[in-house]
Amino acid sequence: MKITIVSVGSIKEKYLNDAIKEYEKRLSKYTKIEFIRVNDEAIADHPSSKEIESVKDKEAERLIKSLPKDCYKIALNLKGEMLSSPELAKKISSIFDYKNSHIAFVIGGSLGLGDRLLEQMDYHLCFSKMTFPHQLMQVILLEQIYRAFKINHNEIYHK
């Protein structure tokens, strides 16, 4: 089993890197975690809709090129399906059991994911209708993946 998190932008904040390393360590008991980060595209303070689409398209191209081959691709998308933690655990288990032993979660940049990339995803997952910084989203995602493995192994984890 392997999980890859493919995202836009680097993480500069030490506290976020520390949290990511902690969850990576916790998850090493269950699965291998890999991170692929692509460069984000510069954008003006007040971009036009055309500029926004151009940035999303350029970042999408980088993400598409970076996606591992033969994996089940999950986009973190505001238009995706919202799941509870137990439902996410069941989804991850079913992918590993019946579909693929490699899952890639895709996190877009500050403007979201481009349409071309979204069309290539196997599943669209929404964590919340709220917007989170994409750097923080990696920590939130890792926590939920860790929680899912704890649930799937019938292990106690705080609620």
C-alpha atoms as a PDB file:
ATOM      1  CA  MET A   1       0.000   0.000   0.000  1.00  0.00           C
ATOM      2  CA  LYS A   2       1.204   3.459  -0.886  1.00  0.00           C
ATOM      3  CA  ILE A   3      -0.226   6.948  -0.643  1.00  0.00           C
ATOM      4  CA  THR A   4       1.118   9.874  -2.621  1.00  0.00           C
ATOM      5  CA  ILE A   5       0.144  13.451  -1.926  1.00  0.00           C
ATOM      6  CA  VAL A   6       0.603  15.589  -5.013  1.00  0.00           C
ATOM      7  CA  SER A   7       0.270  19.293  -4.329  1.00  0.00           C
ATOM      8  CA  VAL A   8       1.020  22.775  -5.578  1.00  0.00           C
ATOM      9  CA  GLY A   9       3.550  24.911  -3.740  1.00  0.00           C
ATOM     10  CA  SER A  10       6.125  24.317  -1.072  1.00  0.00           C
ATOM     11  CA  ILE A  11       5.648  24.406   2.673  1.00  0.00           C
ATOM     12  CA  LYS A  12       7.806  27.048   4.278  1.00  0.00           C
ATOM     13  CA  GLU A  13       6.298  27.114   7.765  1.00  0.00           C
ATOM     14  CA  LYS A  14       8.228  25.015  10.269  1.00  0.00           C
ATOM     15  CA  TYR A  15       5.143  24.153  12.334  1.00  0.00           C
ATOM     16  CA  LEU A  16       3.385  22.709   9.269  1.00  0.00           C
ATOM     17  CA  ASN A  17       6.484  20.738   8.251  1.00  0.00           C
ATOM     18  CA  ASP A  18       6.732  19.406  11.819  1.00  0.00           C
ATOM     19  CA  ALA A  19       3.080  18.301  11.752  1.00  0.00           C
ATOM     20  CA  ILE A  20       3.557  16.637   8.353  1.00  0.00           C
ATOM     21  CA  LYS A  21       6.623  14.765   9.619  1.00  0.00           C
ATOM     22  CA  GLU A  22       4.716  13.631  12.714  1.00  0.00           C
ATOM     23  CA  TYR A  23       1.835  12.185  10.687  1.00  0.00           C
ATOM     24  CA  GLU A  24       4.266  10.665   8.193  1.00  0.00           C
ATOM     25  CA  LYS A  25       5.954   8.898  11.118  1.00  0.00           C
ATOM     26  CA  ARG A  26       2.621   7.704  12.536  1.00  0.00           C
ATOM     27  CA  LEU A  27       1.475   6.455   9.143  1.00  0.00           C
ATOM     28  CA  SER A  28       4.701   4.534   8.469  1.00  0.00           C
ATOM     29  CA  LYS A  29       3.211   1.694  10.523  1.00  0.00           C
ATOM     30  CA  TYR A  30       0.446   1.286   7.929  1.00  0.00           C
ATOM     31  CA  THR A  31       1.563   2.604   4.558  1.00  0.00           C
ATOM     32  CA  LYS A  32       4.296   4.366   2.647  1.00  0.00           C
ATOM     33  CA  ILE A  33       3.716   8.089   2.164  1.00  0.00           C
ATOM     34  CA  GLU A  34       5.270  10.036  -0.690  1.00  0.00           C
ATOM     35  CA  PHE A  35       5.036  13.781  -1.333  1.00  0.00           C
ATOM     36  CA  ILE A  36       5.269  15.369  -4.753  1.00  0.00           C
ATOM     37  CA  ARG A  37       5.146  19.145  -4.780  1.00  0.00           C
ATOM     38  CA  VAL A  38       5.057  21.191  -7.959  1.00  0.00           C
ATOM     39  CA  ASN A  39       5.781  24.898  -8.282  1.00  0.00           C
ATOM     40  CA  ASP A  40       2.917  27.308  -7.961  1.00  0.00           C
ATOM     41  CA  GLU A  41       2.337  29.909 -10.628  1.00  0.00           C
ATOM     42  CA  ALA A  42       2.755  33.608  -9.869  1.00  0.00           C
ATOM     43  CA  ILE A  43      -0.443  35.641 -10.065  1.00  0.00           C
ATOM     44  CA  ALA A  44      -1.364  39.307  -9.808  1.00  0.00           C
ATOM     45  CA  ASP A  45      -3.286  40.654  -6.812  1.00  0.00           C
ATOM     46  CA  HIS A  46      -6.469  41.233  -8.790  1.00  0.00           C
ATOM     47  CA  PRO A  47      -6.381  38.728 -11.656  1.00  0.00           C
ATOM     48  CA  SER A  48      -8.937  38.577 -14.418  1.00  0.00           C
ATOM     49  CA  SER A  49     -10.914  35.373 -14.901  1.00  0.00           C
ATOM     50  CA  LYS A  50      -8.721  34.625 -17.932  1.00  0.00           C
ATOM     51  CA  GLU A  51      -5.557  34.960 -15.794  1.00  0.00           C
ATOM     52  CA  ILE A  52      -7.080  32.721 -13.127  1.00  0.00           C
ATOM     53  CA  GLU A  53      -7.841  30.009 -15.672  1.00  0.00           C
ATOM     54  CA  SER A  54      -4.358  30.327 -17.150  1.00  0.00           C
ATOM     55  CA  VAL A  55      -2.746  29.821 -13.730  1.00  0.00           C
ATOM     56  CA  LYS A  56      -4.984  26.840 -12.948  1.00  0.00           C
ATOM     57  CA  ASP A  57      -4.176  25.308 -16.338  1.00  0.00           C
ATOM     58  CA  LYS A  58      -0.412  25.718 -15.884  1.00  0.00           C
ATOM     59  CA  GLU A  59      -0.503  24.237 -12.383  1.00  0.00           C
ATOM     60  CA  ALA A  60      -2.755  21.427 -13.614  1.00  0.00           C
ATOM     61  CA  GLU A  61      -0.205  20.539 -16.307  1.00  0.00           C
ATOM     62  CA  ARG A  62       2.525  20.272 -13.679  1.00  0.00           C
ATOM     63  CA  LEU A  63       0.304  18.121 -11.470  1.00  0.00           C
ATOM     64  CA  ILE A  64      -0.699  15.828 -14.344  1.00  0.00           C
ATOM     65  CA  LYS A  65       2.950  15.268 -15.286  1.00  0.00           C
ATOM     66  CA  SER A  66       3.767  14.479 -11.650  1.00  0.00           C
ATOM     67  CA  LEU A  67       0.966  12.001 -11.000  1.00  0.00           C
ATOM     68  CA  PRO A  68       2.190   8.462 -10.407  1.00  0.00           C
ATOM     69  CA  LYS A  69       1.180   5.895 -13.003  1.00  0.00           C
ATOM     70  CA  ASP A  70      -1.393   3.231 -12.172  1.00  0.00           C
ATOM     71  CA  CYS A  71      -2.803   4.830  -9.051  1.00  0.00           C
ATOM     72  CA  TYR A  72      -6.299   5.694  -7.903  1.00  0.00           C
ATOM     73  CA  LYS A  73      -6.500   9.495  -8.158  1.00  0.00           C
ATOM     74  CA  ILE A  74      -8.507  11.530  -5.634  1.00  0.00           C
ATOM     75  CA  ALA A  75      -8.889  15.284  -6.110  1.00  0.00           C
ATOM     76  CA  LEU A  76      -9.534  17.479  -3.103  1.00  0.00           C
ATOM     77  CA  ASN A  77     -12.292  19.522  -4.646  1.00  0.00           C
ATOM     78  CA  LEU A  78     -14.950  21.832  -3.190  1.00  0.00           C
ATOM     79  CA  LYS A  79     -17.436  20.183  -5.575  1.00  0.00           C
ATOM     80  CA  GLY A  80     -16.516  16.686  -4.389  1.00  0.00           C
ATOM     81  CA  GLU A  81     -18.330  14.337  -2.065  1.00  0.00           C
ATOM     82  CA  MET A  82     -18.215  15.047   1.662  1.00  0.00           C
ATOM     83  CA  LEU A  83     -17.500  12.000   3.814  1.00  0.00           C
ATOM     84  CA  SER A  84     -17.351  11.358   7.530  1.00  0.00           C
ATOM     85  CA  SER A  85     -14.104   9.935   8.925  1.00  0.00           C
ATOM     86  CA  PRO A  86     -15.542   6.383   9.028  1.00  0.00           C
ATOM     87  CA  GLU A  87     -16.784   6.780   5.443  1.00  0.00           C
ATOM     88  CA  LEU A  88     -13.336   7.928   4.318  1.00  0.00           C
ATOM     89  CA  ALA A  89     -11.806   4.932   6.106  1.00  0.00           C
ATOM     90  CA  LYS A  90     -14.182   2.633   4.242  1.00  0.00           C
ATOM     91  CA  LYS A  91     -13.399   4.367   0.927  1.00  0.00           C
ATOM     92  CA  ILE A  92      -9.636   3.990   1.432  1.00  0.00           C
ATOM     93  CA  SER A  93     -10.042   0.347   2.447  1.00  0.00           C
ATOM     94  CA  SER A  94     -12.181  -0.434  -0.594  1.00  0.00           C
ATOM     95  CA  ILE A  95      -9.656   1.192  -2.940  1.00  0.00           C
ATOM     96  CA  PHE A  96      -6.791  -0.811  -1.449  1.00  0.00           C
ATOM     97  CA  ASP A  97      -8.837  -4.021  -1.362  1.00  0.00           C
ATOM     98  CA  TYR A  98     -10.584  -3.897  -4.711  1.00  0.00           C
ATOM     99  CA  LYS A  99      -9.150  -1.258  -6.994  1.00  0.00           C
ATOM    100  CA  ASN A 100      -5.530  -0.368  -6.452  1.00  0.00           C
ATOM    101  CA  SER A 101      -2.736  -0.510  -3.912  1.00  0.00           C
ATOM    102  CA  HIS A 102      -1.667   3.062  -4.640  1.00  0.00           C
ATOM    103  CA  ILE A 103      -3.754   6.174  -3.957  1.00  0.00           C
ATOM    104  CA  ALA A 104      -2.754   9.686  -5.003  1.00  0.00           C
ATOM    105  CA  PHE A 105      -4.474  12.635  -3.349  1.00  0.00           C
ATOM    106  CA  VAL A 106      -4.225  15.851  -5.360  1.00  0.00           C
ATOM    107  CA  ILE A 107      -4.273  19.278  -3.700  1.00  0.00           C
ATOM    108  CA  GLY A 108      -4.439  22.355  -5.900  1.00  0.00           C
ATOM    109  CA  GLY A 109      -2.972  25.777  -5.374  1.00  0.00           C
ATOM    110  CA  SER A 110      -4.704  28.854  -4.000  1.00  0.00           C
ATOM    111  CA  LEU A 111      -7.028  29.038  -7.019  1.00  0.00           C
ATOM    112  CA  GLY A 112      -8.002  25.364  -7.061  1.00  0.00           C
ATOM    113  CA  LEU A 113      -7.546  22.664  -9.678  1.00  0.00           C
ATOM    114  CA  GLY A 114      -7.762  23.053 -13.447  1.00  0.00           C
ATOM    115  CA  ASP A 115     -10.568  21.383 -15.373  1.00  0.00           C
ATOM    116  CA  ARG A 116      -8.268  19.165 -17.439  1.00  0.00           C
ATOM    117  CA  LEU A 117      -6.842  17.647 -14.272  1.00  0.00           C
ATOM    118  CA  LEU A 118     -10.265  17.274 -12.626  1.00  0.00           C
ATOM    119  CA  GLU A 119     -11.479  15.268 -15.620  1.00  0.00           C
ATOM    120  CA  GLN A 120      -8.703  12.717 -15.030  1.00  0.00           C
ATOM    121  CA  MET A 121      -9.538  12.035 -11.398  1.00  0.00           C
ATOM    122  CA  ASP A 122     -11.191   8.820 -10.234  1.00  0.00           C
ATOM    123  CA  TYR A 123     -12.902  10.481  -7.293  1.00  0.00           C
ATOM    124  CA  HIS A 124     -13.573  13.973  -5.941  1.00  0.00           C
ATOM    125  CA  LEU A 125     -13.432  14.498  -2.179  1.00  0.00           C
ATOM    126  CA  CYS A 126     -14.536  17.617  -0.317  1.00  0.00           C
ATOM    127  CA  PHE A 127     -13.359  18.157   3.252  1.00  0.00           C
ATOM    128  CA  SER A 128     -15.451  21.257   3.866  1.00  0.00           C
ATOM    129  CA  LYS A 129     -17.218  24.066   2.092  1.00  0.00           C
ATOM    130  CA  MET A 130     -14.709  26.340   3.819  1.00  0.00           C
ATOM    131  CA  THR A 131     -11.441  27.274   2.139  1.00  0.00           C
ATOM    132  CA  PHE A 132      -8.146  26.228   3.731  1.00  0.00           C
ATOM    133  CA  PRO A 133      -4.617  27.212   2.748  1.00  0.00           C
ATOM    134  CA  HIS A 134      -3.255  24.415   0.563  1.00  0.00           C
ATOM    135  CA  GLN A 135      -0.250  24.015   2.878  1.00  0.00           C
ATOM    136  CA  LEU A 136      -2.515  23.438   5.900  1.00  0.00           C
ATOM    137  CA  MET A 137      -4.683  21.091   3.838  1.00  0.00           C
ATOM    138  CA  GLN A 138      -1.792  18.636   3.658  1.00  0.00           C
ATOM    139  CA  VAL A 139      -1.787  18.377   7.458  1.00  0.00           C
ATOM    140  CA  ILE A 140      -5.577  18.007   7.608  1.00  0.00           C
ATOM    141  CA  LEU A 141      -5.467  15.332   4.902  1.00  0.00           C
ATOM    142  CA  LEU A 142      -2.693  13.392   6.655  1.00  0.00           C
ATOM    143  CA  GLU A 143      -4.593  13.487   9.937  1.00  0.00           C
ATOM    144  CA  GLN A 144      -7.678  12.060   8.260  1.00  0.00           C
ATOM    145  CA  ILE A 145      -5.671   9.373   6.459  1.00  0.00           C
ATOM    146  CA  TYR A 146      -4.097   8.432   9.799  1.00  0.00           C
ATOM    147  CA  ARG A 147      -7.539   8.365  11.426  1.00  0.00           C
ATOM    148  CA  ALA A 148      -8.801   6.156   8.569  1.00  0.00           C
ATOM    149  CA  PHE A 149      -6.027   3.614   9.129  1.00  0.00           C
ATOM    150  CA  LYS A 150      -6.726   3.597  12.870  1.00  0.00           C
ATOM    151  CA  ILE A 151     -10.434   2.990  12.165  1.00  0.00           C
ATOM    152  CA  ASN A 152      -9.668   0.271   9.623  1.00  0.00           C
ATOM    153  CA  HIS A 153      -7.376  -1.507  12.112  1.00  0.00           C
ATOM    154  CA  ASN A 154      -9.927  -1.227  14.953  1.00  0.00           C
ATOM    155  CA  GLU A 155      -7.478   0.848  16.961  1.00  0.00           C
ATOM    156  CA  ILE A 156      -8.466   3.558  19.409  1.00  0.00           C
ATOM    157  CA  TYR A 157      -7.982   7.152  18.302  1.00  0.00           C
ATOM    158  CA  HIS A 158      -9.458  10.248  19.903  1.00  0.00           C
ATOM    159  CA  LYS A 159     -12.807  11.414  18.602  1.00  0.00           C
END
